[in-house]
Amino acid sequence: MTEEKSYYTYMVRCSDNSLYTGFTTDLSHRVSVHNRGKGARYTRSRLPVCLVWYQKFSSEHDARSLEVRIKHLSKKEKEDMVTSFTRLHTTHE
């Protein structure tokens, strides 16, 4: 039996308070890569970054599609997503 692969769309908050959206199959590793300055060019000059939002998918297509849609949202819309995510995950822990 093979384990089903997971795909994630995620947002990290950079040191300048900007948000970066990406796609990965391993959240903790990807954040670590960003923080070592080996991730996206955008985040390299805005370290450290902190994971503030993510959504898990079973399909790479779905995860990448959401990444593209989020990148077209306004800063306020992204911040609203982060706020809702934070509330949901802090009230259920």
PDB file of N, CA and C in Angstrom:
ATOM      1  N   MET A   1       0.844  -1.177   0.000  1.00  0.00           N
ATOM      2  CA  MET A   1       0.000   0.000   0.000  1.00  0.00           C
ATOM      3  C   MET A   1       0.895   1.247   0.000  1.00  0.00           C
ATOM      4  N   THR A   2       0.624   2.177  -0.888  1.00  0.00           N
ATOM      5  CA  THR A   2       1.425   3.394  -0.965  1.00  0.00           C
ATOM      6  C   THR A   2       0.711   4.536  -0.267  1.00  0.00           C
ATOM      7  N   GLU A   3       1.507   5.397   0.330  1.00  0.00           N
ATOM      8  CA  GLU A   3       0.980   6.559   1.025  1.00  0.00           C
ATOM      9  C   GLU A   3       0.647   7.643   0.004  1.00  0.00           C
ATOM     10  N   GLU A   4      -0.533   8.247   0.154  1.00  0.00           N
ATOM     11  CA  GLU A   4      -0.940   9.303  -0.766  1.00  0.00           C
ATOM     12  C   GLU A   4      -0.109  10.558  -0.523  1.00  0.00           C
ATOM     13  N   LYS A   5       0.366  11.149  -1.597  1.00  0.00           N
ATOM     14  CA  LYS A   5       1.190  12.348  -1.511  1.00  0.00           C
ATOM     15  C   LYS A   5       0.309  13.563  -1.224  1.00  0.00           C
ATOM     16  N   SER A   6       0.826  14.467  -0.421  1.00  0.00           N
ATOM     17  CA  SER A   6       0.113  15.709  -0.104  1.00  0.00           C
ATOM     18  C   SER A   6       0.810  16.889  -0.752  1.00  0.00           C
ATOM     19  N   TYR A   7       0.018  17.863  -1.134  1.00  0.00           N
ATOM     20  CA  TYR A   7       0.506  19.089  -1.749  1.00  0.00           C
ATOM     21  C   TYR A   7      -0.059  20.256  -0.959  1.00  0.00           C
ATOM     22  N   TYR A   8       0.719  21.304  -0.828  1.00  0.00           N
ATOM     23  CA  TYR A   8       0.312  22.445  -0.016  1.00  0.00           C
ATOM     24  C   TYR A   8       0.485  23.755  -0.776  1.00  0.00           C
ATOM     25  N   THR A   9      -0.504  24.612  -0.626  1.00  0.00           N
ATOM     26  CA  THR A   9      -0.363  26.014  -0.977  1.00  0.00           C
ATOM     27  C   THR A   9      -0.144  26.703   0.358  1.00  0.00           C
ATOM     28  N   TYR A  10       0.800  27.638   0.410  1.00  0.00           N
ATOM     29  CA  TYR A  10       1.132  28.250   1.699  1.00  0.00           C
ATOM     30  C   TYR A  10       1.439  29.731   1.541  1.00  0.00           C
ATOM     31  N   MET A  11       1.353  30.436   2.668  1.00  0.00           N
ATOM     32  CA  MET A  11       1.811  31.824   2.740  1.00  0.00           C
ATOM     33  C   MET A  11       2.741  31.956   3.927  1.00  0.00           C
ATOM     34  N   VAL A  12       3.830  32.679   3.705  1.00  0.00           N
ATOM     35  CA  VAL A  12       4.733  33.031   4.798  1.00  0.00           C
ATOM     36  C   VAL A  12       4.746  34.546   4.929  1.00  0.00           C
ATOM     37  N   ARG A  13       4.915  34.995   6.169  1.00  0.00           N
ATOM     38  CA  ARG A  13       5.075  36.433   6.422  1.00  0.00           C
ATOM     39  C   ARG A  13       6.567  36.718   6.492  1.00  0.00           C
ATOM     40  N   CYS A  14       6.976  37.693   5.704  1.00  0.00           N
ATOM     41  CA  CYS A  14       8.380  38.087   5.659  1.00  0.00           C
ATOM     42  C   CYS A  14       8.667  39.133   6.732  1.00  0.00           C
ATOM     43  N   SER A  15       9.936  39.399   6.965  1.00  0.00           N
ATOM     44  CA  SER A  15      10.336  40.349   8.007  1.00  0.00           C
ATOM     45  C   SER A  15       9.834  41.763   7.743  1.00  0.00           C
ATOM     46  N   ASP A  16       9.535  42.094   6.494  1.00  0.00           N
ATOM     47  CA  ASP A  16       9.003  43.427   6.177  1.00  0.00           C
ATOM     48  C   ASP A  16       7.477  43.455   6.207  1.00  0.00           C
ATOM     49  N   ASN A  17       6.854  42.390   6.732  1.00  0.00           N
ATOM     50  CA  ASN A  17       5.412  42.234   6.885  1.00  0.00           C
ATOM     51  C   ASN A  17       4.702  41.896   5.573  1.00  0.00           C
ATOM     52  N   SER A  18       5.452  41.687   4.502  1.00  0.00           N
ATOM     53  CA  SER A  18       4.820  41.270   3.251  1.00  0.00           C
ATOM     54  C   SER A  18       4.499  39.777   3.333  1.00  0.00           C
ATOM     55  N   LEU A  19       3.645  39.326   2.428  1.00  0.00           N
ATOM     56  CA  LEU A  19       3.267  37.921   2.368  1.00  0.00           C
ATOM     57  C   LEU A  19       3.761  37.319   1.066  1.00  0.00           C
ATOM     58  N   TYR A  20       4.330  36.131   1.163  1.00  0.00           N
ATOM     59  CA  TYR A  20       4.775  35.399  -0.014  1.00  0.00           C
ATOM     60  C   TYR A  20       3.952  34.125  -0.100  1.00  0.00           C
ATOM     61  N   THR A  21       3.454  33.803  -1.285  1.00  0.00           N
ATOM     62  CA  THR A  21       2.647  32.605  -1.503  1.00  0.00           C
ATOM     63  C   THR A  21       3.429  31.618  -2.345  1.00  0.00           C
ATOM     64  N   GLY A  22       3.372  30.355  -1.962  1.00  0.00           N
ATOM     65  CA  GLY A  22       4.077  29.327  -2.704  1.00  0.00           C
ATOM     66  C   GLY A  22       3.366  27.992  -2.665  1.00  0.00           C
ATOM     67  N   PHE A  23       4.018  26.995  -3.219  1.00  0.00           N
ATOM     68  CA  PHE A  23       3.523  25.632  -3.331  1.00  0.00           C
ATOM     69  C   PHE A  23       4.639  24.683  -2.899  1.00  0.00           C
ATOM     70  N   THR A  24       4.279  23.606  -2.207  1.00  0.00           N
ATOM     71  CA  THR A  24       5.289  22.637  -1.773  1.00  0.00           C
ATOM     72  C   THR A  24       4.640  21.298  -1.464  1.00  0.00           C
ATOM     73  N   THR A  25       5.480  20.287  -1.272  1.00  0.00           N
ATOM     74  CA  THR A  25       5.008  18.993  -0.784  1.00  0.00           C
ATOM     75  C   THR A  25       5.455  18.761   0.664  1.00  0.00           C
ATOM     76  N   ASP A  26       6.247  19.674   1.205  1.00  0.00           N
ATOM     77  CA  ASP A  26       6.768  19.533   2.573  1.00  0.00           C
ATOM     78  C   ASP A  26       6.884  20.924   3.201  1.00  0.00           C
ATOM     79  N   LEU A  27       5.896  21.286   4.014  1.00  0.00           N
ATOM     80  CA  LEU A  27       5.836  22.639   4.583  1.00  0.00           C
ATOM     81  C   LEU A  27       7.044  22.997   5.434  1.00  0.00           C
ATOM     82  N   SER A  28       7.377  22.159   6.400  1.00  0.00           N
ATOM     83  CA  SER A  28       8.460  22.529   7.314  1.00  0.00           C
ATOM     84  C   SER A  28       9.791  22.645   6.569  1.00  0.00           C
ATOM     85  N   HIS A  29      10.030  21.745   5.645  1.00  0.00           N
ATOM     86  CA  HIS A  29      11.268  21.814   4.868  1.00  0.00           C
ATOM     87  C   HIS A  29      11.307  23.079   4.028  1.00  0.00           C
ATOM     88  N   ARG A  30      10.180  23.428   3.410  1.00  0.00           N
ATOM     89  CA  ARG A  30      10.147  24.608   2.538  1.00  0.00           C
ATOM     90  C   ARG A  30      10.392  25.890   3.325  1.00  0.00           C
ATOM     91  N   VAL A  31       9.786  26.019   4.490  1.00  0.00           N
ATOM     92  CA  VAL A  31      10.006  27.205   5.325  1.00  0.00           C
ATOM     93  C   VAL A  31      11.472  27.270   5.740  1.00  0.00           C
ATOM     94  N   SER A  32      12.038  26.132   6.090  1.00  0.00           N
ATOM     95  CA  SER A  32      13.450  26.067   6.452  1.00  0.00           C
ATOM     96  C   SER A  32      14.336  26.513   5.286  1.00  0.00           C
ATOM     97  N   VAL A  33      14.016  26.074   4.084  1.00  0.00           N
ATOM     98  CA  VAL A  33      14.771  26.465   2.891  1.00  0.00           C
ATOM     99  C   VAL A  33      14.683  27.978   2.696  1.00  0.00           C
ATOM    100  N   HIS A  34      13.477  28.529   2.839  1.00  0.00           N
ATOM    101  CA  HIS A  34      13.329  29.987   2.736  1.00  0.00           C
ATOM    102  C   HIS A  34      14.242  30.674   3.754  1.00  0.00           C
ATOM    103  N   ASN A  35      14.204  30.219   4.990  1.00  0.00           N
ATOM    104  CA  ASN A  35      14.958  30.880   6.061  1.00  0.00           C
ATOM    105  C   ASN A  35      16.466  30.702   5.955  1.00  0.00           C
ATOM    106  N   ARG A  36      16.914  29.758   5.160  1.00  0.00           N
ATOM    107  CA  ARG A  36      18.351  29.611   4.886  1.00  0.00           C
ATOM    108  C   ARG A  36      18.774  30.469   3.694  1.00  0.00           C
ATOM    109  N   GLY A  37      17.822  31.227   3.126  1.00  0.00           N
ATOM    110  CA  GLY A  37      18.138  32.087   1.993  1.00  0.00           C
ATOM    111  C   GLY A  37      18.245  31.336   0.689  1.00  0.00           C
ATOM    112  N   LYS A  38      17.737  30.127   0.657  1.00  0.00           N
ATOM    113  CA  LYS A  38      17.821  29.296  -0.545  1.00  0.00           C
ATOM    114  C   LYS A  38      16.476  29.181  -1.254  1.00  0.00           C
ATOM    115  N   GLY A  39      15.461  29.839  -0.731  1.00  0.00           N
ATOM    116  CA  GLY A  39      14.128  29.752  -1.318  1.00  0.00           C
ATOM    117  C   GLY A  39      13.949  30.743  -2.443  1.00  0.00           C
ATOM    118  N   ALA A  40      12.757  31.229  -2.572  1.00  0.00           N
ATOM    119  CA  ALA A  40      12.417  32.173  -3.633  1.00  0.00           C
ATOM    120  C   ALA A  40      13.244  33.449  -3.520  1.00  0.00           C
ATOM    121  N   ARG A  41      13.556  34.028  -4.644  1.00  0.00           N
ATOM    122  CA  ARG A  41      14.318  35.276  -4.677  1.00  0.00           C
ATOM    123  C   ARG A  41      13.622  36.362  -3.837  1.00  0.00           C
ATOM    124  N   TYR A  42      12.290  36.385  -3.894  1.00  0.00           N
ATOM    125  CA  TYR A  42      11.535  37.402  -3.163  1.00  0.00           C
ATOM    126  C   TYR A  42      11.827  37.357  -1.664  1.00  0.00           C
ATOM    127  N   THR A  43      11.896  36.161  -1.100  1.00  0.00           N
ATOM    128  CA  THR A  43      12.052  36.045   0.353  1.00  0.00           C
ATOM    129  C   THR A  43      13.495  36.217   0.818  1.00  0.00           C
ATOM    130  N   ARG A  44      14.462  36.045  -0.056  1.00  0.00           N
ATOM    131  CA  ARG A  44      15.880  36.070   0.346  1.00  0.00           C
ATOM    132  C   ARG A  44      16.282  37.361   1.046  1.00  0.00           C
ATOM    133  N   SER A  45      15.743  38.484   0.620  1.00  0.00           N
ATOM    134  CA  SER A  45      16.109  39.762   1.239  1.00  0.00           C
ATOM    135  C   SER A  45      15.111  40.183   2.311  1.00  0.00           C
ATOM    136  N   ARG A  46      14.196  39.282   2.671  1.00  0.00           N
ATOM    137  CA  ARG A  46      13.150  39.613   3.641  1.00  0.00           C
ATOM    138  C   ARG A  46      13.083  38.576   4.762  1.00  0.00           C
ATOM    139  N   LEU A  47      14.226  38.063   5.152  1.00  0.00           N
ATOM    140  CA  LEU A  47      14.290  37.013   6.176  1.00  0.00           C
ATOM    141  C   LEU A  47      14.278  37.606   7.574  1.00  0.00           C
ATOM    142  N   PRO A  48      13.804  36.857   8.546  1.00  0.00           N
ATOM    143  CA  PRO A  48      13.255  35.516   8.437  1.00  0.00           C
ATOM    144  C   PRO A  48      11.793  35.553   7.982  1.00  0.00           C
ATOM    145  N   VAL A  49      11.296  34.368   7.592  1.00  0.00           N
ATOM    146  CA  VAL A  49       9.891  34.222   7.246  1.00  0.00           C
ATOM    147  C   VAL A  49       9.242  33.291   8.255  1.00  0.00           C
ATOM    148  N   CYS A  50       7.917  33.412   8.360  1.00  0.00           N
ATOM    149  CA  CYS A  50       7.151  32.595   9.301  1.00  0.00           C
ATOM    150  C   CYS A  50       5.898  32.088   8.583  1.00  0.00           C
ATOM    151  N   LEU A  51       5.632  30.808   8.681  1.00  0.00           N
ATOM    152  CA  LEU A  51       4.444  30.228   8.067  1.00  0.00           C
ATOM    153  C   LEU A  51       3.197  30.786   8.754  1.00  0.00           C
ATOM    154  N   VAL A  52       2.279  31.369   7.976  1.00  0.00           N
ATOM    155  CA  VAL A  52       1.073  31.969   8.560  1.00  0.00           C
ATOM    156  C   VAL A  52      -0.221  31.410   7.994  1.00  0.00           C
ATOM    157  N   TRP A  53      -0.133  30.638   6.909  1.00  0.00           N
ATOM    158  CA  TRP A  53      -1.341  30.078   6.301  1.00  0.00           C
ATOM    159  C   TRP A  53      -0.945  28.922   5.396  1.00  0.00           C
ATOM    160  N   TYR A  54      -1.779  27.889   5.357  1.00  0.00           N
ATOM    161  CA  TYR A  54      -1.584  26.813   4.387  1.00  0.00           C
ATOM    162  C   TYR A  54      -2.881  26.053   4.175  1.00  0.00           C
ATOM    163  N   GLN A  55      -2.949  25.374   3.047  1.00  0.00           N
ATOM    164  CA  GLN A  55      -4.055  24.478   2.758  1.00  0.00           C
ATOM    165  C   GLN A  55      -3.486  23.242   2.095  1.00  0.00           C
ATOM    166  N   LYS A  56      -3.965  22.090   2.511  1.00  0.00           N
ATOM    167  CA  LYS A  56      -3.475  20.800   2.032  1.00  0.00           C
ATOM    168  C   LYS A  56      -4.379  20.277   0.916  1.00  0.00           C
ATOM    169  N   PHE A  57      -3.766  19.651  -0.080  1.00  0.00           N
ATOM    170  CA  PHE A  57      -4.493  19.079  -1.207  1.00  0.00           C
ATOM    171  C   PHE A  57      -3.954  17.688  -1.512  1.00  0.00           C
ATOM    172  N   SER A  58      -4.763  16.884  -2.155  1.00  0.00           N
ATOM    173  CA  SER A  58      -4.297  15.582  -2.639  1.00  0.00           C
ATOM    174  C   SER A  58      -3.880  15.680  -4.100  1.00  0.00           C
ATOM    175  N   SER A  59      -4.171  16.822  -4.718  1.00  0.00           N
ATOM    176  CA  SER A  59      -3.849  17.028  -6.125  1.00  0.00           C
ATOM    177  C   SER A  59      -2.880  18.200  -6.297  1.00  0.00           C
ATOM    178  N   GLU A  60      -1.795  17.960  -7.027  1.00  0.00           N
ATOM    179  CA  GLU A  60      -0.847  19.038  -7.307  1.00  0.00           C
ATOM    180  C   GLU A  60      -1.528  20.155  -8.099  1.00  0.00           C
ATOM    181  N   HIS A  61      -2.372  19.792  -9.025  1.00  0.00           N
ATOM    182  CA  HIS A  61      -3.079  20.785  -9.846  1.00  0.00           C
ATOM    183  C   HIS A  61      -3.898  21.728  -8.970  1.00  0.00           C
ATOM    184  N   ASP A  62      -4.635  21.174  -8.011  1.00  0.00           N
ATOM    185  CA  ASP A  62      -5.465  22.014  -7.134  1.00  0.00           C
ATOM    186  C   ASP A  62      -4.612  22.964  -6.302  1.00  0.00           C
ATOM    187  N   ALA A  63      -3.498  22.465  -5.788  1.00  0.00           N
ATOM    188  CA  ALA A  63      -2.619  23.301  -4.959  1.00  0.00           C
ATOM    189  C   ALA A  63      -1.998  24.426  -5.780  1.00  0.00           C
ATOM    190  N   ARG A  64      -1.524  24.104  -6.957  1.00  0.00           N
ATOM    191  CA  ARG A  64      -0.917  25.131  -7.813  1.00  0.00           C
ATOM    192  C   ARG A  64      -1.951  26.136  -8.311  1.00  0.00           C
ATOM    193  N   SER A  65      -3.153  25.669  -8.581  1.00  0.00           N
ATOM    194  CA  SER A  65      -4.223  26.573  -9.024  1.00  0.00           C
ATOM    195  C   SER A  65      -4.557  27.584  -7.943  1.00  0.00           C
ATOM    196  N   LEU A  66      -4.637  27.126  -6.697  1.00  0.00           N
ATOM    197  CA  LEU A  66      -4.918  28.052  -5.606  1.00  0.00           C
ATOM    198  C   LEU A  66      -3.765  29.031  -5.423  1.00  0.00           C
ATOM    199  N   GLU A  67      -2.545  28.568  -5.569  1.00  0.00           N
ATOM    200  CA  GLU A  67      -1.382  29.466  -5.467  1.00  0.00           C
ATOM    201  C   GLU A  67      -1.526  30.630  -6.450  1.00  0.00           C
ATOM    202  N   VAL A  68      -1.875  30.335  -7.669  1.00  0.00           N
ATOM    203  CA  VAL A  68      -2.032  31.376  -8.690  1.00  0.00           C
ATOM    204  C   VAL A  68      -3.171  32.325  -8.318  1.00  0.00           C
ATOM    205  N   ARG A  69      -4.291  31.779  -7.853  1.00  0.00           N
ATOM    206  CA  ARG A  69      -5.430  32.640  -7.475  1.00  0.00           C
ATOM    207  C   ARG A  69      -5.056  33.563  -6.318  1.00  0.00           C
ATOM    208  N   ILE A  70      -4.353  33.036  -5.316  1.00  0.00           N
ATOM    209  CA  ILE A  70      -3.963  33.860  -4.166  1.00  0.00           C
ATOM    210  C   ILE A  70      -3.026  34.976  -4.602  1.00  0.00           C
ATOM    211  N   LYS A  71      -2.117  34.679  -5.500  1.00  0.00           N
ATOM    212  CA  LYS A  71      -1.162  35.693  -5.953  1.00  0.00           C
ATOM    213  C   LYS A  71      -1.858  36.867  -6.640  1.00  0.00           C
ATOM    214  N   HIS A  72      -3.086  36.679  -7.078  1.00  0.00           N
ATOM    215  CA  HIS A  72      -3.845  37.759  -7.711  1.00  0.00           C
ATOM    216  C   HIS A  72      -4.760  38.498  -6.736  1.00  0.00           C
ATOM    217  N   LEU A  73      -4.778  38.081  -5.477  1.00  0.00           N
ATOM    218  CA  LEU A  73      -5.606  38.750  -4.470  1.00  0.00           C
ATOM    219  C   LEU A  73      -4.917  40.025  -3.983  1.00  0.00           C
ATOM    220  N   SER A  74      -5.713  40.903  -3.404  1.00  0.00           N
ATOM    221  CA  SER A  74      -5.155  42.109  -2.785  1.00  0.00           C
ATOM    222  C   SER A  74      -4.487  41.737  -1.465  1.00  0.00           C
ATOM    223  N   LYS A  75      -3.666  42.628  -0.969  1.00  0.00           N
ATOM    224  CA  LYS A  75      -3.014  42.422   0.336  1.00  0.00           C
ATOM    225  C   LYS A  75      -4.072  42.225   1.426  1.00  0.00           C
ATOM    226  N   LYS A  76      -5.139  43.017   1.376  1.00  0.00           N
ATOM    227  CA  LYS A  76      -6.197  42.899   2.386  1.00  0.00           C
ATOM    228  C   LYS A  76      -6.861  41.521   2.322  1.00  0.00           C
ATOM    229  N   GLU A  77      -7.130  41.031   1.141  1.00  0.00           N
ATOM    230  CA  GLU A  77      -7.750  39.715   1.003  1.00  0.00           C
ATOM    231  C   GLU A  77      -6.825  38.627   1.550  1.00  0.00           C
ATOM    232  N   LYS A  78      -5.544  38.740   1.296  1.00  0.00           N
ATOM    233  CA  LYS A  78      -4.583  37.774   1.838  1.00  0.00           C
ATOM    234  C   LYS A  78      -4.523  37.866   3.357  1.00  0.00           C
ATOM    235  N   GLU A  79      -4.502  39.089   3.876  1.00  0.00           N
ATOM    236  CA  GLU A  79      -4.472  39.276   5.335  1.00  0.00           C
ATOM    237  C   GLU A  79      -5.733  38.695   5.976  1.00  0.00           C
ATOM    238  N   ASP A  80      -6.872  38.833   5.314  1.00  0.00           N
ATOM    239  CA  ASP A  80      -8.119  38.253   5.826  1.00  0.00           C
ATOM    240  C   ASP A  80      -8.018  36.725   5.886  1.00  0.00           C
ATOM    241  N   MET A  81      -7.408  36.130   4.885  1.00  0.00           N
ATOM    242  CA  MET A  81      -7.203  34.671   4.894  1.00  0.00           C
ATOM    243  C   MET A  81      -6.329  34.260   6.070  1.00  0.00           C
ATOM    244  N   VAL A  82      -5.258  35.009   6.299  1.00  0.00           N
ATOM    245  CA  VAL A  82      -4.339  34.704   7.404  1.00  0.00           C
ATOM    246  C   VAL A  82      -5.060  34.850   8.745  1.00  0.00           C
ATOM    247  N   THR A  83      -5.827  35.921   8.897  1.00  0.00           N
ATOM    248  CA  THR A  83      -6.560  36.150  10.147  1.00  0.00           C
ATOM    249  C   THR A  83      -7.550  35.024  10.420  1.00  0.00           C
ATOM    250  N   SER A  84      -8.306  34.626   9.416  1.00  0.00           N
ATOM    251  CA  SER A  84      -9.274  33.535   9.579  1.00  0.00           C
ATOM    252  C   SER A  84      -8.576  32.226   9.921  1.00  0.00           C
ATOM    253  N   PHE A  85      -7.469  31.960   9.269  1.00  0.00           N
ATOM    254  CA  PHE A  85      -6.695  30.743   9.511  1.00  0.00           C
ATOM    255  C   PHE A  85      -6.169  30.728  10.938  1.00  0.00           C
ATOM    256  N   THR A  86      -5.629  31.844  11.369  1.00  0.00           N
ATOM    257  CA  THR A  86      -5.066  31.959  12.715  1.00  0.00           C
ATOM    258  C   THR A  86      -6.148  31.741  13.768  1.00  0.00           C
ATOM    259  N   ARG A  87      -7.301  32.356  13.568  1.00  0.00           N
ATOM    260  CA  ARG A  87      -8.416  32.184  14.526  1.00  0.00           C
ATOM    261  C   ARG A  87      -8.841  30.737  14.583  1.00  0.00           C
ATOM    262  N   LEU A  88      -8.986  30.098  13.439  1.00  0.00           N
ATOM    263  CA  LEU A  88      -9.428  28.710  13.374  1.00  0.00           C
ATOM    264  C   LEU A  88      -8.431  27.795  14.088  1.00  0.00           C
ATOM    265  N   HIS A  89      -7.151  28.004  13.854  1.00  0.00           N
ATOM    266  CA  HIS A  89      -6.144  27.100  14.407  1.00  0.00           C
ATOM    267  C   HIS A  89      -5.771  27.409  15.852  1.00  0.00           C
ATOM    268  N   THR A  90      -6.028  28.597  16.331  1.00  0.00           N
ATOM    269  CA  THR A  90      -5.734  28.876  17.738  1.00  0.00           C
ATOM    270  C   THR A  90      -6.904  28.520  18.645  1.00  0.00           C
ATOM    271  N   THR A  91      -8.102  28.449  18.103  1.00  0.00           N
ATOM    272  CA  THR A  91      -9.260  28.094  18.930  1.00  0.00           C
ATOM    273  C   THR A  91      -9.461  26.581  19.019  1.00  0.00           C
ATOM    274  N   HIS A  92      -8.796  25.818  18.144  1.00  0.00           N
ATOM    275  CA  HIS A  92      -8.963  24.364  18.155  1.00  0.00           C
ATOM    276  C   HIS A  92      -7.735  23.621  18.671  1.00  0.00           C
ATOM    277  N   GLU A  93      -6.790  24.311  19.219  1.00  0.00           N
ATOM    278  CA  GLU A  93      -5.572  23.638  19.727  1.00  0.00           C
ATOM    279  C   GLU A  93      -5.656  23.398  21.206  1.00  0.00           C
TER     280      GLU A  93
END
